[in-house]
Amino acid sequence: MELFAAIRRDARVEGCSIRELADKYHVHRRTVRQALASAIPPPRRTPARTSPRLEPFRGFIDDMLRSDLDAPKKQRHTARRILARLIDERGATDLSYSTVRDYVRKRRPEIAAEAGKPVEEGCVPQAHPPAAEAEVDFHDLWVILRGIKTKTALFTMRLSFSGRAAHRASLSQGQEAFLESHVYAFDRLDGVPIDKIRYDNLKPAVSRVLFGRTRVESDRWVAFKSHYGFDSFYCRPGHEGSHEKGGVEGEGGRFRRNHCVPMPAVDSIEELNALLEAGDDADDARRIGNRTSSVGTDWAFEKTLLRPLPAEPFDTASRSTPPSP
């Protein structure tokens, strides 16, 4: 717009020719003629691009996007997940990620509009000493449990140095499930962080949030930490606190997208946890960001520095005495 205004002004005030204006502003004479004809630049033409390699798979992609309409927001297909399924299930080895990404970006809102649904649109690197810290959080995980769509609680513990994580699902976020998931994670990671583990203000651990970072912890939680020999670090409440444990915040979503899309169909929580464990095993081969070593390689070094597991396990069961008649 500013270029057209300058060309028209020079033509009007200084009487410059089309050639002079083209040389002065380093544009084609066609552009000068357009500026002299109208103060508003003509709309740019977007070339119509075709993707012949994608053509046989459009229906399959559309079916995946339509299935996402009823799926939880955090368990919908990304373009990368769609490409992975196309390669695994349709042998589409010639497709590029950019081709699938561009098609998904265009079709997702169109499919949502066709279904009469509103269109929804949807990390800071940290450095940690080996074996020093871990992060814990719960995430929602929807599954098809015995034919019924069910929400489970996905417990995630992630070592801050190597990025190795342990995931375990349960039907609640009660203290028993919270402690049992810790025991499972420590066993899987083959040790306990020597410094601290970062948490939200989870009810199984925190009875009351006081000023600053001061918390009133439940007695069983205090005993559990003492048994395994680690300290707890509680992040600030609300959105601000999520940046203090960004590793596990992103880990839950990454794990769901790669191992729980489409929603797992299982007959029991035990079967679901076996599936999650297989996903954790597969993730040992992945690389985080620009690291040259894999998660499994970094963990093999880190586990030699972790605090050894206690000789006796902690009894995670809760007991209560019924009132006397």
C-alpha atoms as a PDB file:
ATOM      1  CA  MET A   1       0.000   0.000   0.000  1.00  0.00           C
ATOM      2  CA  GLU A   2       2.848   2.422   0.912  1.00  0.00           C
ATOM      3  CA  LEU A   3       4.695   1.594  -2.328  1.00  0.00           C
ATOM      4  CA  PHE A   4       1.634   2.375  -4.453  1.00  0.00           C
ATOM      5  CA  ALA A   5       1.144   5.670  -2.609  1.00  0.00           C
ATOM      6  CA  ALA A   6       4.770   6.698  -3.207  1.00  0.00           C
ATOM      7  CA  ILE A   7       4.604   5.824  -6.932  1.00  0.00           C
ATOM      8  CA  ARG A   8       1.394   7.787  -7.411  1.00  0.00           C
ATOM      9  CA  ARG A   9       2.787  10.783  -5.514  1.00  0.00           C
ATOM     10  CA  ASP A  10       5.989  10.927  -7.625  1.00  0.00           C
ATOM     11  CA  ALA A  11       3.991  10.589 -10.823  1.00  0.00           C
ATOM     12  CA  ARG A  12       1.657  13.353  -9.729  1.00  0.00           C
ATOM     13  CA  VAL A  13       4.167  15.803  -8.199  1.00  0.00           C
ATOM     14  CA  GLU A  14       7.362  15.196 -10.186  1.00  0.00           C
ATOM     15  CA  GLY A  15       5.862  13.920 -13.389  1.00  0.00           C
ATOM     16  CA  CYS A  16       8.096  10.835 -13.506  1.00  0.00           C
ATOM     17  CA  SER A  17       7.674   8.401 -16.367  1.00  0.00           C
ATOM     18  CA  ILE A  18       6.827   4.734 -15.894  1.00  0.00           C
ATOM     19  CA  ARG A  19      10.423   3.741 -16.663  1.00  0.00           C
ATOM     20  CA  GLU A  20      11.800   6.278 -14.135  1.00  0.00           C
ATOM     21  CA  LEU A  21       9.415   5.099 -11.460  1.00  0.00           C
ATOM     22  CA  ALA A  22      10.295   1.459 -12.101  1.00  0.00           C
ATOM     23  CA  ASP A  23      14.026   2.213 -11.826  1.00  0.00           C
ATOM     24  CA  LYS A  24      13.576   4.361  -8.709  1.00  0.00           C
ATOM     25  CA  TYR A  25      11.579   1.789  -6.738  1.00  0.00           C
ATOM     26  CA  HIS A  26      13.197  -1.331  -8.264  1.00  0.00           C
ATOM     27  CA  VAL A  27       9.927  -2.819  -9.426  1.00  0.00           C
ATOM     28  CA  HIS A  28       8.567  -4.074 -12.741  1.00  0.00           C
ATOM     29  CA  ARG A  29       6.838  -1.570 -15.002  1.00  0.00           C
ATOM     30  CA  ARG A  30       3.735  -3.693 -14.697  1.00  0.00           C
ATOM     31  CA  THR A  31       3.659  -2.831 -10.979  1.00  0.00           C
ATOM     32  CA  VAL A  32       3.976   0.871 -11.783  1.00  0.00           C
ATOM     33  CA  ARG A  33       1.043   0.691 -14.191  1.00  0.00           C
ATOM     34  CA  GLN A  34      -1.036  -1.069 -11.517  1.00  0.00           C
ATOM     35  CA  ALA A  35      -0.189   1.692  -9.012  1.00  0.00           C
ATOM     36  CA  LEU A  36      -1.151   4.427 -11.448  1.00  0.00           C
ATOM     37  CA  ALA A  37      -4.403   2.662 -12.286  1.00  0.00           C
ATOM     38  CA  SER A  38      -5.525   2.142  -8.693  1.00  0.00           C
ATOM     39  CA  ALA A  39      -4.399   3.188  -5.216  1.00  0.00           C
ATOM     40  CA  ILE A  40      -5.259  -0.284  -3.891  1.00  0.00           C
ATOM     41  CA  PRO A  41      -2.923  -3.133  -4.891  1.00  0.00           C
ATOM     42  CA  PRO A  42      -4.664  -6.063  -6.605  1.00  0.00           C
ATOM     43  CA  PRO A  43      -5.039  -9.232  -4.520  1.00  0.00           C
ATOM     44  CA  ARG A  44      -2.255 -11.736  -4.895  1.00  0.00           C
ATOM     45  CA  ARG A  45      -3.033 -14.911  -6.741  1.00  0.00           C
ATOM     46  CA  THR A  46      -2.449 -18.089  -4.804  1.00  0.00           C
ATOM     47  CA  PRO A  47      -1.510 -20.851  -7.188  1.00  0.00           C
ATOM     48  CA  ALA A  48      -3.665 -23.934  -6.930  1.00  0.00           C
ATOM     49  CA  ARG A  49      -1.383 -26.758  -5.866  1.00  0.00           C
ATOM     50  CA  THR A  50      -2.128 -30.419  -6.352  1.00  0.00           C
ATOM     51  CA  SER A  51      -0.758 -33.351  -4.379  1.00  0.00           C
ATOM     52  CA  PRO A  52      -1.162 -36.457  -6.558  1.00  0.00           C
ATOM     53  CA  ARG A  53       0.662 -38.649  -4.023  1.00  0.00           C
ATOM     54  CA  LEU A  54      -1.813 -37.660  -1.322  1.00  0.00           C
ATOM     55  CA  GLU A  55      -4.898 -38.320  -3.451  1.00  0.00           C
ATOM     56  CA  PRO A  56      -5.333 -42.046  -2.577  1.00  0.00           C
ATOM     57  CA  PHE A  57      -5.182 -41.272   1.149  1.00  0.00           C
ATOM     58  CA  ARG A  58      -7.535 -38.269   1.430  1.00  0.00           C
ATOM     59  CA  GLY A  59     -10.488 -40.390   2.533  1.00  0.00           C
ATOM     60  CA  PHE A  60      -8.428 -42.177   5.183  1.00  0.00           C
ATOM     61  CA  ILE A  61      -7.169 -38.843   6.580  1.00  0.00           C
ATOM     62  CA  ASP A  62     -10.690 -37.417   6.584  1.00  0.00           C
ATOM     63  CA  ASP A  63     -11.913 -40.449   8.535  1.00  0.00           C
ATOM     64  CA  MET A  64      -9.220 -39.850  11.176  1.00  0.00           C
ATOM     65  CA  LEU A  65     -10.157 -36.177  11.441  1.00  0.00           C
ATOM     66  CA  ARG A  66     -13.844 -37.059  11.766  1.00  0.00           C
ATOM     67  CA  SER A  67     -13.034 -39.534  14.558  1.00  0.00           C
ATOM     68  CA  ASP A  68     -11.303 -36.669  16.369  1.00  0.00           C
ATOM     69  CA  LEU A  69     -14.606 -34.794  16.629  1.00  0.00           C
ATOM     70  CA  ASP A  70     -15.643 -37.080  19.508  1.00  0.00           C
ATOM     71  CA  ALA A  71     -12.169 -37.648  20.954  1.00  0.00           C
ATOM     72  CA  PRO A  72     -10.723 -35.714  23.922  1.00  0.00           C
ATOM     73  CA  LYS A  73      -8.927 -32.568  22.817  1.00  0.00           C
ATOM     74  CA  LYS A  74      -5.530 -33.826  23.978  1.00  0.00           C
ATOM     75  CA  GLN A  75      -5.901 -37.193  22.247  1.00  0.00           C
ATOM     76  CA  ARG A  76      -6.621 -36.058  18.707  1.00  0.00           C
ATOM     77  CA  HIS A  77      -4.508 -36.795  15.672  1.00  0.00           C
ATOM     78  CA  THR A  78      -1.661 -34.435  14.914  1.00  0.00           C
ATOM     79  CA  ALA A  79      -0.238 -34.265  11.402  1.00  0.00           C
ATOM     80  CA  ARG A  80       2.763 -36.303  12.548  1.00  0.00           C
ATOM     81  CA  ARG A  81       0.537 -38.987  14.045  1.00  0.00           C
ATOM     82  CA  ILE A  82      -1.529 -39.121  10.840  1.00  0.00           C
ATOM     83  CA  LEU A  83       1.619 -39.506   8.744  1.00  0.00           C
ATOM     84  CA  ALA A  84       2.841 -42.294  11.045  1.00  0.00           C
ATOM     85  CA  ARG A  85      -0.449 -44.159  10.653  1.00  0.00           C
ATOM     86  CA  LEU A  86      -0.412 -43.680   6.879  1.00  0.00           C
ATOM     87  CA  ILE A  87       3.038 -45.237   6.716  1.00  0.00           C
ATOM     88  CA  ASP A  88       2.209 -48.092   9.104  1.00  0.00           C
ATOM     89  CA  GLU A  89      -1.303 -48.896   7.899  1.00  0.00           C
ATOM     90  CA  ARG A  90      -1.290 -47.832   4.238  1.00  0.00           C
ATOM     91  CA  GLY A  91       2.372 -48.083   3.225  1.00  0.00           C
ATOM     92  CA  ALA A  92       2.493 -44.378   2.255  1.00  0.00           C
ATOM     93  CA  THR A  93       6.277 -44.148   2.364  1.00  0.00           C
ATOM     94  CA  ASP A  94       6.442 -41.522  -0.412  1.00  0.00           C
ATOM     95  CA  LEU A  95       4.424 -38.904   1.498  1.00  0.00           C
ATOM     96  CA  SER A  96       6.202 -35.973   3.128  1.00  0.00           C
ATOM     97  CA  TYR A  97       5.258 -34.433   6.446  1.00  0.00           C
ATOM     98  CA  SER A  98       4.679 -31.000   4.891  1.00  0.00           C
ATOM     99  CA  THR A  99       2.146 -32.434   2.420  1.00  0.00           C
ATOM    100  CA  VAL A 100       0.137 -34.073   5.198  1.00  0.00           C
ATOM    101  CA  ARG A 101       0.466 -31.021   7.462  1.00  0.00           C
ATOM    102  CA  ASP A 102      -0.858 -28.632   4.820  1.00  0.00           C
ATOM    103  CA  TYR A 103      -3.805 -30.899   4.026  1.00  0.00           C
ATOM    104  CA  VAL A 104      -4.698 -31.394   7.700  1.00  0.00           C
ATOM    105  CA  ARG A 105      -4.489 -27.656   8.368  1.00  0.00           C
ATOM    106  CA  LYS A 106      -7.008 -27.041   5.595  1.00  0.00           C
ATOM    107  CA  ARG A 107      -9.362 -29.989   6.176  1.00  0.00           C
ATOM    108  CA  ARG A 108      -9.659 -29.984   9.974  1.00  0.00           C
ATOM    109  CA  PRO A 109     -11.726 -26.758  10.182  1.00  0.00           C
ATOM    110  CA  GLU A 110     -13.728 -27.796   7.110  1.00  0.00           C
ATOM    111  CA  ILE A 111     -14.676 -31.129   8.689  1.00  0.00           C
ATOM    112  CA  ALA A 112     -15.571 -29.406  11.953  1.00  0.00           C
ATOM    113  CA  ALA A 113     -17.776 -26.953  10.060  1.00  0.00           C
ATOM    114  CA  GLU A 114     -19.457 -29.775   8.124  1.00  0.00           C
ATOM    115  CA  ALA A 115     -20.315 -31.414  11.454  1.00  0.00           C
ATOM    116  CA  GLY A 116     -21.702 -28.163  12.812  1.00  0.00           C
ATOM    117  CA  LYS A 117     -19.059 -27.918  15.525  1.00  0.00           C
ATOM    118  CA  PRO A 118     -17.097 -24.797  16.491  1.00  0.00           C
ATOM    119  CA  VAL A 119     -13.528 -24.729  15.251  1.00  0.00           C
ATOM    120  CA  GLU A 120     -10.925 -25.066  18.013  1.00  0.00           C
ATOM    121  CA  GLU A 121      -7.355 -24.088  17.561  1.00  0.00           C
ATOM    122  CA  GLY A 122      -4.879 -24.906  19.578  1.00  0.00           C
ATOM    123  CA  CYS A 123       8.427 -25.079  25.986  1.00  0.00           C
ATOM    124  CA  VAL A 124      11.641 -23.631  27.750  1.00  0.00           C
ATOM    125  CA  PRO A 125      14.809 -25.836  27.827  1.00  0.00           C
ATOM    126  CA  GLN A 126      16.246 -26.478  31.299  1.00  0.00           C
ATOM    127  CA  ALA A 127      19.508 -27.955  32.535  1.00  0.00           C
ATOM    128  CA  HIS A 128      19.568 -30.397  35.465  1.00  0.00           C
ATOM    129  CA  PRO A 129      22.428 -32.344  37.088  1.00  0.00           C
ATOM    130  CA  PRO A 130      22.202 -36.105  36.531  1.00  0.00           C
ATOM    131  CA  ALA A 131      20.047 -37.984  39.078  1.00  0.00           C
ATOM    132  CA  ALA A 132      19.212 -34.799  40.986  1.00  0.00           C
ATOM    133  CA  GLU A 133      15.579 -34.144  40.099  1.00  0.00           C
ATOM    134  CA  ALA A 134      12.368 -35.577  38.718  1.00  0.00           C
ATOM    135  CA  GLU A 135       8.919 -34.166  37.965  1.00  0.00           C
ATOM    136  CA  VAL A 136       5.489 -35.680  38.619  1.00  0.00           C
ATOM    137  CA  ASP A 137       2.010 -34.901  37.343  1.00  0.00           C
ATOM    138  CA  PHE A 138      -1.348 -36.474  36.560  1.00  0.00           C
ATOM    139  CA  HIS A 139      -2.933 -36.197  33.099  1.00  0.00           C
ATOM    140  CA  ASP A 140      -6.347 -37.218  31.841  1.00  0.00           C
ATOM    141  CA  LEU A 141      -6.267 -40.318  29.646  1.00  0.00           C
ATOM    142  CA  TRP A 142      -9.445 -41.494  27.896  1.00  0.00           C
ATOM    143  CA  VAL A 143      -9.680 -45.158  26.954  1.00  0.00           C
ATOM    144  CA  ILE A 144     -12.293 -47.627  25.776  1.00  0.00           C
ATOM    145  CA  LEU A 145     -12.533 -49.845  28.853  1.00  0.00           C
ATOM    146  CA  ARG A 146     -14.626 -52.963  28.228  1.00  0.00           C
ATOM    147  CA  GLY A 147     -16.450 -51.120  25.446  1.00  0.00           C
ATOM    148  CA  ILE A 148     -17.151 -47.952  27.487  1.00  0.00           C
ATOM    149  CA  LYS A 149     -15.400 -44.625  27.012  1.00  0.00           C
ATOM    150  CA  THR A 150     -13.700 -44.060  30.390  1.00  0.00           C
ATOM    151  CA  LYS A 151     -11.455 -41.352  31.827  1.00  0.00           C
ATOM    152  CA  THR A 152      -8.415 -42.616  33.713  1.00  0.00           C
ATOM    153  CA  ALA A 153      -5.677 -40.786  35.607  1.00  0.00           C
ATOM    154  CA  LEU A 154      -2.295 -41.051  33.876  1.00  0.00           C
ATOM    155  CA  PHE A 155       0.496 -40.745  36.446  1.00  0.00           C
ATOM    156  CA  THR A 156       3.791 -39.551  34.952  1.00  0.00           C
ATOM    157  CA  MET A 157       7.207 -39.351  36.609  1.00  0.00           C
ATOM    158  CA  ARG A 158      10.011 -37.966  34.452  1.00  0.00           C
ATOM    159  CA  LEU A 159      13.708 -37.790  35.280  1.00  0.00           C
ATOM    160  CA  SER A 160      14.778 -34.216  34.542  1.00  0.00           C
ATOM    161  CA  PHE A 161      18.246 -35.098  33.184  1.00  0.00           C
ATOM    162  CA  SER A 162      17.711 -38.085  30.893  1.00  0.00           C
ATOM    163  CA  GLY A 163      14.015 -37.510  30.204  1.00  0.00           C
ATOM    164  CA  ARG A 164      13.181 -41.167  30.919  1.00  0.00           C
ATOM    165  CA  ALA A 165       9.617 -41.418  32.145  1.00  0.00           C
ATOM    166  CA  ALA A 166       7.337 -43.935  33.816  1.00  0.00           C
ATOM    167  CA  HIS A 167       3.594 -43.880  33.116  1.00  0.00           C
ATOM    168  CA  ARG A 168       0.860 -45.683  35.011  1.00  0.00           C
ATOM    169  CA  ALA A 169      -2.908 -45.408  34.753  1.00  0.00           C
ATOM    170  CA  SER A 170      -5.480 -45.739  37.518  1.00  0.00           C
ATOM    171  CA  LEU A 171      -9.168 -45.054  37.953  1.00  0.00           C
ATOM    172  CA  SER A 172      -8.589 -42.375  40.578  1.00  0.00           C
ATOM    173  CA  GLN A 173      -6.033 -39.878  41.855  1.00  0.00           C
ATOM    174  CA  GLY A 174      -6.434 -41.030  45.459  1.00  0.00           C
ATOM    175  CA  GLN A 175      -3.487 -41.308  47.795  1.00  0.00           C
ATOM    176  CA  GLU A 176      -3.205 -45.089  47.410  1.00  0.00           C
ATOM    177  CA  ALA A 177      -2.918 -44.815  43.608  1.00  0.00           C
ATOM    178  CA  PHE A 178      -0.527 -41.879  44.033  1.00  0.00           C
ATOM    179  CA  LEU A 179       1.818 -43.847  46.286  1.00  0.00           C
ATOM    180  CA  GLU A 180       1.548 -47.075  44.266  1.00  0.00           C
ATOM    181  CA  SER A 181       2.455 -45.160  41.105  1.00  0.00           C
ATOM    182  CA  HIS A 182       5.525 -43.727  42.841  1.00  0.00           C
ATOM    183  CA  VAL A 183       6.647 -47.210  43.876  1.00  0.00           C
ATOM    184  CA  TYR A 184       6.176 -48.448  40.298  1.00  0.00           C
ATOM    185  CA  ALA A 185       8.077 -45.463  38.868  1.00  0.00           C
ATOM    186  CA  PHE A 186      11.017 -45.850  41.260  1.00  0.00           C
ATOM    187  CA  ASP A 187      11.260 -49.531  40.378  1.00  0.00           C
ATOM    188  CA  ARG A 188      11.137 -48.796  36.670  1.00  0.00           C
ATOM    189  CA  LEU A 189      13.693 -45.979  36.875  1.00  0.00           C
ATOM    190  CA  ASP A 190      15.886 -48.189  39.111  1.00  0.00           C
ATOM    191  CA  GLY A 191      16.395 -45.567  41.806  1.00  0.00           C
ATOM    192  CA  VAL A 192      15.266 -42.351  43.472  1.00  0.00           C
ATOM    193  CA  PRO A 193      16.381 -38.767  42.676  1.00  0.00           C
ATOM    194  CA  ILE A 194      18.961 -37.644  45.245  1.00  0.00           C
ATOM    195  CA  ASP A 195      17.619 -34.109  45.576  1.00  0.00           C
ATOM    196  CA  LYS A 196      13.929 -33.409  44.934  1.00  0.00           C
ATOM    197  CA  ILE A 197      10.831 -34.149  42.908  1.00  0.00           C
ATOM    198  CA  ARG A 198       8.658 -31.302  41.588  1.00  0.00           C
ATOM    199  CA  TYR A 199       4.876 -31.386  42.059  1.00  0.00           C
ATOM    200  CA  ASP A 200       1.708 -29.421  41.653  1.00  0.00           C
ATOM    201  CA  ASN A 201      -0.303 -28.962  44.815  1.00  0.00           C
ATOM    202  CA  LEU A 202      -1.784 -32.445  44.516  1.00  0.00           C
ATOM    203  CA  LYS A 203      -4.362 -33.417  47.132  1.00  0.00           C
ATOM    204  CA  PRO A 204      -2.782 -36.832  47.853  1.00  0.00           C
ATOM    205  CA  ALA A 205       0.311 -34.971  49.111  1.00  0.00           C
ATOM    206  CA  VAL A 206      -0.781 -31.484  50.196  1.00  0.00           C
ATOM    207  CA  SER A 207      -3.392 -30.914  52.867  1.00  0.00           C
ATOM    208  CA  ARG A 208      -3.206 -27.139  52.744  1.00  0.00           C
ATOM    209  CA  VAL A 209      -1.405 -24.455  50.720  1.00  0.00           C
ATOM    210  CA  LEU A 210       0.069 -21.723  52.915  1.00  0.00           C
ATOM    211  CA  PHE A 211       1.970 -18.545  52.071  1.00  0.00           C
ATOM    212  CA  GLY A 212       4.688 -18.771  49.414  1.00  0.00           C
ATOM    213  CA  ARG A 213       5.878 -22.347  48.944  1.00  0.00           C
ATOM    214  CA  THR A 214       4.958 -23.512  52.427  1.00  0.00           C
ATOM    215  CA  ARG A 215       2.639 -26.526  52.443  1.00  0.00           C
ATOM    216  CA  VAL A 216       0.967 -28.691  55.054  1.00  0.00           C
ATOM    217  CA  GLU A 217       1.629 -32.291  53.946  1.00  0.00           C
ATOM    218  CA  SER A 218      -0.284 -35.396  54.943  1.00  0.00           C
ATOM    219  CA  ASP A 219       1.386 -37.673  57.492  1.00  0.00           C
ATOM    220  CA  ARG A 220       1.499 -40.686  55.149  1.00  0.00           C
ATOM    221  CA  TRP A 221       3.112 -38.627  52.429  1.00  0.00           C
ATOM    222  CA  VAL A 222       5.771 -37.356  54.845  1.00  0.00           C
ATOM    223  CA  ALA A 223       6.473 -40.949  55.900  1.00  0.00           C
ATOM    224  CA  PHE A 224       6.668 -42.088  52.263  1.00  0.00           C
ATOM    225  CA  LYS A 225       9.207 -39.373  51.377  1.00  0.00           C
ATOM    226  CA  SER A 226      11.283 -40.227  54.430  1.00  0.00           C
ATOM    227  CA  HIS A 227      11.239 -43.916  53.503  1.00  0.00           C
ATOM    228  CA  TYR A 228      12.562 -43.304  49.976  1.00  0.00           C
ATOM    229  CA  GLY A 229      14.795 -40.361  50.899  1.00  0.00           C
ATOM    230  CA  PHE A 230      13.760 -37.473  48.627  1.00  0.00           C
ATOM    231  CA  ASP A 231      12.422 -33.945  49.098  1.00  0.00           C
ATOM    232  CA  SER A 232       9.335 -32.441  47.480  1.00  0.00           C
ATOM    233  CA  PHE A 233       9.273 -29.115  45.669  1.00  0.00           C
ATOM    234  CA  TYR A 234       5.842 -27.572  45.160  1.00  0.00           C
ATOM    235  CA  CYS A 235       5.327 -25.298  42.169  1.00  0.00           C
ATOM    236  CA  ARG A 236       3.357 -22.084  42.336  1.00  0.00           C
ATOM    237  CA  PRO A 237      -0.398 -22.515  41.960  1.00  0.00           C
ATOM    238  CA  GLY A 238      -1.997 -21.767  38.603  1.00  0.00           C
ATOM    239  CA  HIS A 239      -0.542 -21.389  35.131  1.00  0.00           C
ATOM    240  CA  GLU A 240       2.693 -19.800  36.379  1.00  0.00           C
ATOM    241  CA  GLY A 241       3.673 -22.991  38.180  1.00  0.00           C
ATOM    242  CA  SER A 242       3.493 -25.123  35.036  1.00  0.00           C
ATOM    243  CA  HIS A 243       6.715 -23.517  33.781  1.00  0.00           C
ATOM    244  CA  GLU A 244       8.561 -24.808  36.832  1.00  0.00           C
ATOM    245  CA  LYS A 245       8.041 -28.411  35.733  1.00  0.00           C
ATOM    246  CA  GLY A 246       7.773 -27.976  31.986  1.00  0.00           C
ATOM    247  CA  GLY A 247       9.336 -31.361  31.272  1.00  0.00           C
ATOM    248  CA  VAL A 248       6.507 -33.418  32.719  1.00  0.00           C
ATOM    249  CA  GLU A 249       3.858 -30.966  31.474  1.00  0.00           C
ATOM    250  CA  GLY A 250       4.953 -31.667  27.907  1.00  0.00           C
ATOM    251  CA  GLU A 251       5.685 -35.344  28.530  1.00  0.00           C
ATOM    252  CA  GLY A 252       2.089 -36.256  29.302  1.00  0.00           C
ATOM    253  CA  GLY A 253       0.806 -34.790  26.039  1.00  0.00           C
ATOM    254  CA  ARG A 254       3.679 -36.228  23.990  1.00  0.00           C
ATOM    255  CA  PHE A 255       3.133 -39.715  25.382  1.00  0.00           C
ATOM    256  CA  ARG A 256      -0.624 -39.632  24.772  1.00  0.00           C
ATOM    257  CA  ARG A 257      -0.235 -38.441  21.183  1.00  0.00           C
ATOM    258  CA  ASN A 258       2.330 -41.101  20.302  1.00  0.00           C
ATOM    259  CA  HIS A 259       0.991 -44.115  22.204  1.00  0.00           C
ATOM    260  CA  CYS A 260      -2.673 -43.445  22.997  1.00  0.00           C
ATOM    261  CA  VAL A 261      -4.085 -42.186  19.688  1.00  0.00           C
ATOM    262  CA  PRO A 262      -6.530 -43.557  18.750  1.00  0.00           C
ATOM    263  CA  MET A 263      -7.935 -44.242  22.217  1.00  0.00           C
ATOM    264  CA  PRO A 264      -6.687 -47.610  23.532  1.00  0.00           C
ATOM    265  CA  ALA A 265      -9.367 -50.314  23.722  1.00  0.00           C
ATOM    266  CA  VAL A 266      -8.637 -52.584  26.693  1.00  0.00           C
ATOM    267  CA  ASP A 267     -10.463 -55.022  28.960  1.00  0.00           C
ATOM    268  CA  SER A 268      -8.719 -54.032  32.199  1.00  0.00           C
ATOM    269  CA  ILE A 269      -6.472 -51.437  33.821  1.00  0.00           C
ATOM    270  CA  GLU A 270      -3.758 -54.093  33.970  1.00  0.00           C
ATOM    271  CA  GLU A 271      -3.915 -54.481  30.183  1.00  0.00           C
ATOM    272  CA  LEU A 272      -3.771 -50.701  29.792  1.00  0.00           C
ATOM    273  CA  ASN A 273      -0.698 -50.454  32.039  1.00  0.00           C
ATOM    274  CA  ALA A 274       1.024 -53.190  30.036  1.00  0.00           C
ATOM    275  CA  LEU A 275       0.407 -51.085  26.914  1.00  0.00           C
ATOM    276  CA  LEU A 276       1.819 -47.997  28.667  1.00  0.00           C
ATOM    277  CA  GLU A 277       4.890 -49.926  29.766  1.00  0.00           C
ATOM    278  CA  ALA A 278       5.508 -51.025  26.183  1.00  0.00           C
ATOM    279  CA  GLY A 279       5.301 -47.373  25.134  1.00  0.00           C
ATOM    280  CA  ASP A 280       7.876 -46.442  27.778  1.00  0.00           C
ATOM    281  CA  ASP A 281      10.180 -49.190  26.514  1.00  0.00           C
ATOM    282  CA  ALA A 282       9.882 -47.899  22.949  1.00  0.00           C
ATOM    283  CA  ASP A 283      10.662 -44.348  24.069  1.00  0.00           C
ATOM    284  CA  ASP A 284      14.119 -45.382  25.270  1.00  0.00           C
ATOM    285  CA  ALA A 285      15.214 -45.180  21.634  1.00  0.00           C
ATOM    286  CA  ARG A 286      13.959 -41.632  21.047  1.00  0.00           C
ATOM    287  CA  ARG A 287      16.067 -38.469  21.168  1.00  0.00           C
ATOM    288  CA  ILE A 288      14.954 -35.268  22.887  1.00  0.00           C
ATOM    289  CA  GLY A 289      15.418 -32.071  20.895  1.00  0.00           C
ATOM    290  CA  ASN A 290      18.935 -31.769  19.491  1.00  0.00           C
ATOM    291  CA  ARG A 291      20.553 -34.330  21.780  1.00  0.00           C
ATOM    292  CA  THR A 292      22.941 -36.745  20.100  1.00  0.00           C
ATOM    293  CA  SER A 293      22.253 -39.562  22.581  1.00  0.00           C
ATOM    294  CA  SER A 294      19.001 -41.397  23.155  1.00  0.00           C
ATOM    295  CA  VAL A 295      16.871 -41.320  26.298  1.00  0.00           C
ATOM    296  CA  GLY A 296      17.924 -44.874  27.114  1.00  0.00           C
ATOM    297  CA  THR A 297      21.621 -44.051  26.775  1.00  0.00           C
ATOM    298  CA  ASP A 298      21.360 -41.021  29.056  1.00  0.00           C
ATOM    299  CA  TRP A 299      19.346 -43.006  31.591  1.00  0.00           C
ATOM    300  CA  ALA A 300      21.919 -45.831  31.612  1.00  0.00           C
ATOM    301  CA  PHE A 301      24.414 -43.258  32.889  1.00  0.00           C
ATOM    302  CA  GLU A 302      21.980 -41.448  35.184  1.00  0.00           C
ATOM    303  CA  LYS A 303      20.720 -44.554  36.998  1.00  0.00           C
ATOM    304  CA  THR A 304      24.219 -45.247  38.343  1.00  0.00           C
ATOM    305  CA  LEU A 305      23.923 -41.980  40.320  1.00  0.00           C
ATOM    306  CA  LEU A 306      20.362 -42.375  41.610  1.00  0.00           C
ATOM    307  CA  ARG A 307      19.725 -43.168  45.259  1.00  0.00           C
ATOM    308  CA  PRO A 308      19.328 -46.963  45.640  1.00  0.00           C
ATOM    309  CA  LEU A 309      15.876 -48.305  46.426  1.00  0.00           C
ATOM    310  CA  PRO A 310      15.272 -49.168  50.090  1.00  0.00           C
ATOM    311  CA  ALA A 311      15.535 -52.805  51.068  1.00  0.00           C
ATOM    312  CA  GLU A 312      11.949 -52.900  52.322  1.00  0.00           C
ATOM    313  CA  PRO A 313       9.035 -51.609  50.174  1.00  0.00           C
ATOM    314  CA  PHE A 314       6.625 -49.039  51.584  1.00  0.00           C
ATOM    315  CA  ASP A 315       3.159 -50.349  52.417  1.00  0.00           C
ATOM    316  CA  THR A 316       0.880 -48.231  50.249  1.00  0.00           C
ATOM    317  CA  ALA A 317      -2.387 -49.788  51.401  1.00  0.00           C
ATOM    318  CA  SER A 318      -4.703 -47.705  53.564  1.00  0.00           C
ATOM    319  CA  ARG A 319      -6.325 -49.225  56.604  1.00  0.00           C
ATOM    320  CA  SER A 320      -9.280 -48.116  58.628  1.00  0.00           C
ATOM    321  CA  THR A 321     -11.000 -49.514  61.676  1.00  0.00           C
ATOM    322  CA  PRO A 322     -14.777 -49.799  61.418  1.00  0.00           C
ATOM    323  CA  PRO A 323     -16.740 -48.296  64.291  1.00  0.00           C
ATOM    324  CA  SER A 324     -17.689 -50.692  67.012  1.00  0.00           C
ATOM    325  CA  PRO A 325     -21.366 -51.697  67.076  1.00  0.00           C
END
